[in-house]
PDB file of N, CA and C in Angstrom:
ATOM      1  N   MET A   1       0.852  -1.172   0.000  1.00  0.00           N
ATOM      2  CA  MET A   1       0.000   0.001   0.000  1.00  0.00           C
ATOM      3  C   MET A   1       0.905   1.242   0.000  1.00  0.00           C
ATOM      4  N   LYS A   2       0.643   2.158  -0.923  1.00  0.00           N
ATOM      5  CA  LYS A   2       1.430   3.379  -1.016  1.00  0.00           C
ATOM      6  C   LYS A   2       1.093   4.315   0.141  1.00  0.00           C
ATOM      7  N   ILE A   3       2.020   5.227   0.436  1.00  0.00           N
ATOM      8  CA  ILE A   3       1.843   6.120   1.580  1.00  0.00           C
ATOM      9  C   ILE A   3       0.594   6.981   1.438  1.00  0.00           C
ATOM     10  N   ASN A   4       0.289   7.444   0.239  1.00  0.00           N
ATOM     11  CA  ASN A   4      -0.916   8.247   0.061  1.00  0.00           C
ATOM     12  C   ASN A   4      -2.170   7.423   0.369  1.00  0.00           C
ATOM     13  N   GLU A   5      -2.155   6.145   0.011  1.00  0.00           N
ATOM     14  CA  GLU A   5      -3.280   5.259   0.303  1.00  0.00           C
ATOM     15  C   GLU A   5      -3.400   4.990   1.800  1.00  0.00           C
ATOM     16  N   ARG A   6      -2.246   4.859   2.463  1.00  0.00           N
ATOM     17  CA  ARG A   6      -2.249   4.651   3.912  1.00  0.00           C
ATOM     18  C   ARG A   6      -2.831   5.860   4.633  1.00  0.00           C
ATOM     19  N   LEU A   7      -2.423   7.061   4.203  1.00  0.00           N
ATOM     20  CA  LEU A   7      -2.934   8.282   4.826  1.00  0.00           C
ATOM     21  C   LEU A   7      -4.448   8.402   4.658  1.00  0.00           C
ATOM     22  N   LYS A   8      -4.922   8.168   3.463  1.00  0.00           N
ATOM     23  CA  LYS A   8      -6.356   8.280   3.190  1.00  0.00           C
ATOM     24  C   LYS A   8      -7.142   7.213   3.955  1.00  0.00           C
ATOM     25  N   ALA A   9      -6.651   5.979   3.933  1.00  0.00           N
ATOM     26  CA  ALA A   9      -7.336   4.890   4.635  1.00  0.00           C
ATOM     27  C   ALA A   9      -7.403   5.166   6.133  1.00  0.00           C
ATOM     28  N   TYR A  10      -6.315   5.677   6.677  1.00  0.00           N
ATOM     29  CA  TYR A  10      -6.291   5.981   8.100  1.00  0.00           C
ATOM     30  C   TYR A  10      -7.281   7.091   8.432  1.00  0.00           C
ATOM     31  N   ARG A  11      -7.255   8.169   7.640  1.00  0.00           N
ATOM     32  CA  ARG A  11      -8.177   9.297   7.885  1.00  0.00           C
ATOM     33  C   ARG A  11      -9.624   8.828   7.844  1.00  0.00           C
ATOM     34  N   GLU A  12      -9.963   8.048   6.842  1.00  0.00           N
ATOM     35  CA  GLU A  12     -11.334   7.554   6.718  1.00  0.00           C
ATOM     36  C   GLU A  12     -11.695   6.606   7.860  1.00  0.00           C
ATOM     37  N   SER A  13     -10.755   5.769   8.269  1.00  0.00           N
ATOM     38  CA  SER A  13     -11.050   4.778   9.315  1.00  0.00           C
ATOM     39  C   SER A  13     -11.295   5.406  10.685  1.00  0.00           C
ATOM     40  N   ILE A  14     -10.701   6.592  10.916  1.00  0.00           N
ATOM     41  CA  ILE A  14     -10.934   7.251  12.204  1.00  0.00           C
ATOM     42  C   ILE A  14     -11.997   8.329  12.108  1.00  0.00           C
ATOM     43  N   GLY A  15     -12.589   8.451  10.926  1.00  0.00           N
ATOM     44  CA  GLY A  15     -13.728   9.339  10.761  1.00  0.00           C
ATOM     45  C   GLY A  15     -13.426  10.821  10.643  1.00  0.00           C
ATOM     46  N   LEU A  16     -12.208  11.154  10.228  1.00  0.00           N
ATOM     47  CA  LEU A  16     -11.874  12.566  10.051  1.00  0.00           C
ATOM     48  C   LEU A  16     -12.256  13.012   8.638  1.00  0.00           C
ATOM     49  N   LYS A  17     -12.775  14.200   8.544  1.00  0.00           N
ATOM     50  CA  LYS A  17     -13.101  14.801   7.249  1.00  0.00           C
ATOM     51  C   LYS A  17     -11.852  15.479   6.703  1.00  0.00           C
ATOM     52  N   GLN A  18     -11.763  15.534   5.382  1.00  0.00           N
ATOM     53  CA  GLN A  18     -10.612  16.169   4.756  1.00  0.00           C
ATOM     54  C   GLN A  18     -10.452  17.616   5.208  1.00  0.00           C
ATOM     55  N   ASN A  19     -11.556  18.347   5.313  1.00  0.00           N
ATOM     56  CA  ASN A  19     -11.431  19.769   5.674  1.00  0.00           C
ATOM     57  C   ASN A  19     -10.892  19.955   7.094  1.00  0.00           C
ATOM     58  N   PHE A  20     -11.166  19.022   7.994  1.00  0.00           N
ATOM     59  CA  PHE A  20     -10.607  19.091   9.346  1.00  0.00           C
ATOM     60  C   PHE A  20      -9.085  18.946   9.285  1.00  0.00           C
ATOM     61  N   VAL A  21      -8.633  17.945   8.543  1.00  0.00           N
ATOM     62  CA  VAL A  21      -7.197  17.687   8.423  1.00  0.00           C
ATOM     63  C   VAL A  21      -6.506  18.857   7.717  1.00  0.00           C
ATOM     64  N   GLU A  22      -7.128  19.381   6.680  1.00  0.00           N
ATOM     65  CA  GLU A  22      -6.563  20.521   5.948  1.00  0.00           C
ATOM     66  C   GLU A  22      -6.324  21.700   6.880  1.00  0.00           C
ATOM     67  N   ASN A  23      -7.327  22.016   7.683  1.00  0.00           N
ATOM     68  CA  ASN A  23      -7.205  23.142   8.607  1.00  0.00           C
ATOM     69  C   ASN A  23      -6.114  22.915   9.638  1.00  0.00           C
ATOM     70  N   LYS A  24      -6.093  21.729  10.232  1.00  0.00           N
ATOM     71  CA  LYS A  24      -5.106  21.417  11.268  1.00  0.00           C
ATOM     72  C   LYS A  24      -3.683  21.368  10.695  1.00  0.00           C
ATOM     73  N   ALA A  25      -3.543  20.817   9.489  1.00  0.00           N
ATOM     74  CA  ALA A  25      -2.221  20.672   8.871  1.00  0.00           C
ATOM     75  C   ALA A  25      -1.818  21.913   8.076  1.00  0.00           C
ATOM     76  N   LYS A  26      -2.719  22.891   8.008  1.00  0.00           N
ATOM     77  CA  LYS A  26      -2.459  24.147   7.292  1.00  0.00           C
ATOM     78  C   LYS A  26      -2.088  23.906   5.829  1.00  0.00           C
ATOM     79  N   MET A  27      -2.963  23.183   5.131  1.00  0.00           N
ATOM     80  CA  MET A  27      -2.764  22.976   3.700  1.00  0.00           C
ATOM     81  C   MET A  27      -4.099  23.116   2.989  1.00  0.00           C
ATOM     82  N   SER A  28      -4.050  23.343   1.710  1.00  0.00           N
ATOM     83  CA  SER A  28      -5.273  23.558   0.950  1.00  0.00           C
ATOM     84  C   SER A  28      -6.000  22.242   0.689  1.00  0.00           C
ATOM     85  N   GLN A  29      -7.296  22.363   0.440  1.00  0.00           N
ATOM     86  CA  GLN A  29      -8.120  21.190   0.120  1.00  0.00           C
ATOM     87  C   GLN A  29      -7.602  20.547  -1.155  1.00  0.00           C
ATOM     88  N   LYS A  30      -7.253  21.375  -2.120  1.00  0.00           N
ATOM     89  CA  LYS A  30      -6.763  20.872  -3.399  1.00  0.00           C
ATOM     90  C   LYS A  30      -5.485  20.056  -3.206  1.00  0.00           C
ATOM     91  N   ARG A  31      -4.582  20.551  -2.368  1.00  0.00           N
ATOM     92  CA  ARG A  31      -3.310  19.865  -2.144  1.00  0.00           C
ATOM     93  C   ARG A  31      -3.520  18.537  -1.424  1.00  0.00           C
ATOM     94  N   LEU A  32      -4.310  18.527  -0.352  1.00  0.00           N
ATOM     95  CA  LEU A  32      -4.536  17.284   0.386  1.00  0.00           C
ATOM     96  C   LEU A  32      -5.245  16.259  -0.486  1.00  0.00           C
ATOM     97  N   SER A  33      -6.210  16.684  -1.248  1.00  0.00           N
ATOM     98  CA  SER A  33      -6.917  15.775  -2.145  1.00  0.00           C
ATOM     99  C   SER A  33      -5.960  15.181  -3.175  1.00  0.00           C
ATOM    100  N   ALA A  34      -5.099  16.023  -3.751  1.00  0.00           N
ATOM    101  CA  ALA A  34      -4.126  15.544  -4.734  1.00  0.00           C
ATOM    102  C   ALA A  34      -3.140  14.563  -4.103  1.00  0.00           C
ATOM    103  N   ILE A  35      -2.745  14.818  -2.866  1.00  0.00           N
ATOM    104  CA  ILE A  35      -1.842  13.902  -2.159  1.00  0.00           C
ATOM    105  C   ILE A  35      -2.540  12.559  -1.937  1.00  0.00           C
ATOM    106  N   GLU A  36      -3.736  12.601  -1.369  1.00  0.00           N
ATOM    107  CA  GLU A  36      -4.454  11.352  -1.072  1.00  0.00           C
ATOM    108  C   GLU A  36      -4.756  10.536  -2.320  1.00  0.00           C
ATOM    109  N   ASN A  37      -4.947  11.205  -3.452  1.00  0.00           N
ATOM    110  CA  ASN A  37      -5.262  10.500  -4.694  1.00  0.00           C
ATOM    111  C   ASN A  37      -4.030  10.155  -5.522  1.00  0.00           C
ATOM    112  N   GLY A  38      -2.839  10.436  -4.978  1.00  0.00           N
ATOM    113  CA  GLY A  38      -1.600  10.067  -5.645  1.00  0.00           C
ATOM    114  C   GLY A  38      -1.295  10.900  -6.879  1.00  0.00           C
ATOM    115  N   GLN A  39      -1.863  12.084  -6.981  1.00  0.00           N
ATOM    116  CA  GLN A  39      -1.665  12.939  -8.149  1.00  0.00           C
ATOM    117  C   GLN A  39      -0.413  13.807  -8.036  1.00  0.00           C
ATOM    118  N   VAL A  40       0.097  13.986  -6.829  1.00  0.00           N
ATOM    119  CA  VAL A  40       1.321  14.764  -6.603  1.00  0.00           C
ATOM    120  C   VAL A  40       2.204  14.008  -5.614  1.00  0.00           C
ATOM    121  N   LYS A  41       3.467  14.335  -5.633  1.00  0.00           N
ATOM    122  CA  LYS A  41       4.387  13.736  -4.669  1.00  0.00           C
ATOM    123  C   LYS A  41       4.216  14.403  -3.314  1.00  0.00           C
ATOM    124  N   LEU A  42       4.288  13.614  -2.290  1.00  0.00           N
ATOM    125  CA  LEU A  42       4.156  14.069  -0.913  1.00  0.00           C
ATOM    126  C   LEU A  42       5.542  14.382  -0.364  1.00  0.00           C
ATOM    127  N   SER A  43       5.735  15.600   0.125  1.00  0.00           N
ATOM    128  CA  SER A  43       7.028  15.940   0.722  1.00  0.00           C
ATOM    129  C   SER A  43       7.085  15.420   2.154  1.00  0.00           C
ATOM    130  N   ALA A  44       8.278  15.306   2.673  1.00  0.00           N
ATOM    131  CA  ALA A  44       8.448  14.860   4.056  1.00  0.00           C
ATOM    132  C   ALA A  44       7.792  15.839   5.022  1.00  0.00           C
ATOM    133  N   ASP A  45       7.899  17.125   4.736  1.00  0.00           N
ATOM    134  CA  ASP A  45       7.266  18.135   5.596  1.00  0.00           C
ATOM    135  C   ASP A  45       5.752  18.016   5.581  1.00  0.00           C
ATOM    136  N   GLU A  46       5.177  17.798   4.404  1.00  0.00           N
ATOM    137  CA  GLU A  46       3.727  17.631   4.319  1.00  0.00           C
ATOM    138  C   GLU A  46       3.277  16.378   5.073  1.00  0.00           C
ATOM    139  N   PHE A  47       4.029  15.303   4.906  1.00  0.00           N
ATOM    140  CA  PHE A  47       3.708  14.063   5.611  1.00  0.00           C
ATOM    141  C   PHE A  47       3.710  14.292   7.119  1.00  0.00           C
ATOM    142  N   GLU A  48       4.741  14.965   7.589  1.00  0.00           N
ATOM    143  CA  GLU A  48       4.844  15.263   9.017  1.00  0.00           C
ATOM    144  C   GLU A  48       3.677  16.128   9.492  1.00  0.00           C
ATOM    145  N   HIS A  49       3.320  17.148   8.751  1.00  0.00           N
ATOM    146  CA  HIS A  49       2.207  18.021   9.136  1.00  0.00           C
ATOM    147  C   HIS A  49       0.870  17.271   9.154  1.00  0.00           C
ATOM    148  N   ILE A  50       0.657  16.435   8.153  1.00  0.00           N
ATOM    149  CA  ILE A  50      -0.593  15.659   8.116  1.00  0.00           C
ATOM    150  C   ILE A  50      -0.679  14.748   9.334  1.00  0.00           C
ATOM    151  N   CYS A  51       0.406  14.034   9.629  1.00  0.00           N
ATOM    152  CA  CYS A  51       0.401  13.094  10.756  1.00  0.00           C
ATOM    153  C   CYS A  51       0.298  13.808  12.105  1.00  0.00           C
ATOM    154  N   ILE A  52       1.198  14.736  12.341  1.00  0.00           N
ATOM    155  CA  ILE A  52       1.296  15.363  13.661  1.00  0.00           C
ATOM    156  C   ILE A  52       0.155  16.329  13.935  1.00  0.00           C
ATOM    157  N   TYR A  53      -0.138  17.192  12.980  1.00  0.00           N
ATOM    158  CA  TYR A  53      -1.158  18.217  13.218  1.00  0.00           C
ATOM    159  C   TYR A  53      -2.551  17.781  12.755  1.00  0.00           C
ATOM    160  N   GLY A  54      -2.627  17.128  11.613  1.00  0.00           N
ATOM    161  CA  GLY A  54      -3.925  16.711  11.089  1.00  0.00           C
ATOM    162  C   GLY A  54      -4.516  15.522  11.811  1.00  0.00           C
ATOM    163  N   TYR A  55      -3.691  14.480  12.017  1.00  0.00           N
ATOM    164  CA  TYR A  55      -4.177  13.248  12.648  1.00  0.00           C
ATOM    165  C   TYR A  55      -3.804  13.148  14.121  1.00  0.00           C
ATOM    166  N   GLU A  56      -2.830  13.941  14.527  1.00  0.00           N
ATOM    167  CA  GLU A  56      -2.306  13.906  15.896  1.00  0.00           C
ATOM    168  C   GLU A  56      -1.783  12.515  16.271  1.00  0.00           C
ATOM    169  N   VAL A  57      -0.981  11.952  15.353  1.00  0.00           N
ATOM    170  CA  VAL A  57      -0.341  10.656  15.582  1.00  0.00           C
ATOM    171  C   VAL A  57       1.128  10.739  15.209  1.00  0.00           C
ATOM    172  N   ASN A  58       1.902   9.800  15.718  1.00  0.00           N
ATOM    173  CA  ASN A  58       3.302   9.680  15.373  1.00  0.00           C
ATOM    174  C   ASN A  58       3.399   9.144  13.938  1.00  0.00           C
ATOM    175  N   PRO A  59       4.146   9.795  13.063  1.00  0.00           N
ATOM    176  CA  PRO A  59       4.239   9.351  11.676  1.00  0.00           C
ATOM    177  C   PRO A  59       4.715   7.912  11.494  1.00  0.00           C
ATOM    178  N   THR A  60       5.418   7.373  12.470  1.00  0.00           N
ATOM    179  CA  THR A  60       5.947   6.016  12.326  1.00  0.00           C
ATOM    180  C   THR A  60       4.863   4.950  12.241  1.00  0.00           C
ATOM    181  N   ILE A  61       3.642   5.263  12.661  1.00  0.00           N
ATOM    182  CA  ILE A  61       2.592   4.225  12.583  1.00  0.00           C
ATOM    183  C   ILE A  61       2.319   3.811  11.146  1.00  0.00           C
ATOM    184  N   PHE A  62       2.637   4.668  10.198  1.00  0.00           N
ATOM    185  CA  PHE A  62       2.377   4.362   8.800  1.00  0.00           C
ATOM    186  C   PHE A  62       3.437   3.455   8.188  1.00  0.00           C
ATOM    187  N   PHE A  63       4.426   3.076   8.992  1.00  0.00           N
ATOM    188  CA  PHE A  63       5.479   2.183   8.515  1.00  0.00           C
ATOM    189  C   PHE A  63       5.550   0.888   9.317  1.00  0.00           C
ATOM    190  N   ASN A  64       4.506   0.593  10.088  1.00  0.00           N
ATOM    191  CA  ASN A  64       4.508  -0.657  10.850  1.00  0.00           C
ATOM    192  C   ASN A  64       3.991  -1.807   9.991  1.00  0.00           C
ATOM    193  N   ASP A  65       4.098  -3.005  10.485  1.00  0.00           N
ATOM    194  CA  ASP A  65       3.728  -4.198   9.736  1.00  0.00           C
ATOM    195  C   ASP A  65       2.275  -4.203   9.291  1.00  0.00           C
ATOM    196  N   GLU A  66       1.390  -3.646  10.096  1.00  0.00           N
ATOM    197  CA  GLU A  66      -0.023  -3.678   9.747  1.00  0.00           C
ATOM    198  C   GLU A  66      -0.295  -2.908   8.458  1.00  0.00           C
ATOM    199  N   PHE A  67       0.437  -1.847   8.202  1.00  0.00           N
ATOM    200  CA  PHE A  67       0.281  -1.120   6.944  1.00  0.00           C
ATOM    201  C   PHE A  67       1.104  -1.754   5.833  1.00  0.00           C
ATOM    202  N   LEU A  68       2.322  -2.146   6.142  1.00  0.00           N
ATOM    203  CA  LEU A  68       3.194  -2.686   5.111  1.00  0.00           C
ATOM    204  C   LEU A  68       2.710  -4.016   4.569  1.00  0.00           C
ATOM    205  N   ASP A  69       2.016  -4.801   5.394  1.00  0.00           N
ATOM    206  CA  ASP A  69       1.499  -6.096   4.969  1.00  0.00           C
ATOM    207  C   ASP A  69       0.061  -6.025   4.479  1.00  0.00           C
ATOM    208  N   SER A  70      -0.460  -4.835   4.259  1.00  0.00           N
ATOM    209  CA  SER A  70      -1.880  -4.710   3.972  1.00  0.00           C
ATOM    210  C   SER A  70      -2.167  -4.312   2.526  1.00  0.00           C
ATOM    211  N   LYS A  71      -1.560  -4.970   1.591  1.00  0.00           N
ATOM    212  CA  LYS A  71      -1.805  -4.635   0.190  1.00  0.00           C
ATOM    213  C   LYS A  71      -3.268  -4.819  -0.188  1.00  0.00           C
ATOM    214  N   ASN A  72      -3.950  -5.751   0.438  1.00  0.00           N
ATOM    215  CA  ASN A  72      -5.356  -6.001   0.115  1.00  0.00           C
ATOM    216  C   ASN A  72      -6.288  -5.529   1.209  1.00  0.00           C
ATOM    217  N   LYS A  73      -5.760  -4.820   2.205  1.00  0.00           N
ATOM    218  CA  LYS A  73      -6.574  -4.336   3.315  1.00  0.00           C
ATOM    219  C   LYS A  73      -6.609  -2.824   3.282  1.00  0.00           C
ATOM    220  N   THR A  74      -7.675  -2.237   3.832  1.00  0.00           N
ATOM    221  CA  THR A  74      -7.731  -0.789   3.936  1.00  0.00           C
ATOM    222  C   THR A  74      -8.059  -0.349   5.349  1.00  0.00           C
ATOM    223  N   ALA A  75      -8.172  -1.285   6.273  1.00  0.00           N
ATOM    224  CA  ALA A  75      -8.509  -0.932   7.665  1.00  0.00           C
ATOM    225  C   ALA A  75      -7.307  -0.304   8.356  1.00  0.00           C
ATOM    226  N   SER A  76      -7.582   0.494   9.345  1.00  0.00           N
ATOM    227  CA  SER A  76      -6.525   1.162  10.095  1.00  0.00           C
ATOM    228  C   SER A  76      -5.937   0.220  11.143  1.00  0.00           C
ATOM    229  N   PRO A  77      -4.742   0.545  11.637  1.00  0.00           N
ATOM    230  CA  PRO A  77      -4.153  -0.247  12.713  1.00  0.00           C
ATOM    231  C   PRO A  77      -5.046  -0.271  13.953  1.00  0.00           C
ATOM    232  N   LYS A  78      -5.748   0.823  14.227  1.00  0.00           N
ATOM    233  CA  LYS A  78      -6.614   0.859  15.397  1.00  0.00           C
ATOM    234  C   LYS A  78      -7.747  -0.148  15.280  1.00  0.00           C
ATOM    235  N   SER A  79      -8.331  -0.281  14.080  1.00  0.00           N
ATOM    236  CA  SER A  79      -9.450  -1.198  13.920  1.00  0.00           C
ATOM    237  C   SER A  79      -9.007  -2.652  13.886  1.00  0.00           C
ATOM    238  N   GLN A  80      -7.726  -2.896  13.613  1.00  0.00           N
ATOM    239  CA  GLN A  80      -7.228  -4.256  13.580  1.00  0.00           C
ATOM    240  C   GLN A  80      -6.758  -4.733  14.945  1.00  0.00           C
ATOM    241  N   ALA A  81      -6.502  -3.823  15.849  1.00  0.00           N
ATOM    242  CA  ALA A  81      -6.011  -4.180  17.178  1.00  0.00           C
ATOM    243  C   ALA A  81      -7.178  -4.638  18.052  1.00  0.00           C
ATOM    244  N   SER A  82      -7.261  -5.920  18.253  1.00  0.00           N
ATOM    245  CA  SER A  82      -8.293  -6.458  19.135  1.00  0.00           C
ATOM    246  C   SER A  82      -7.828  -7.736  19.772  1.00  0.00           C
TER     247      SER A  82
END
């Protein structure tokens, strides 16, 4: 699963709206949408802002086994932990 897909899947799984994340991460709706849809390259700074300010999570969660092994899954790590 690509990083843009992980970000979008995570946002949707925790019920955050794009406009909430945009405001918190201080980025435009157009930019976040393009990132989530894989239309533009995601910079390290943007990734950090989305994770820390938009989602309020440590960016490393997007590199754990649950995401890396989930080519056919779209659920978040939180929903898989039971």
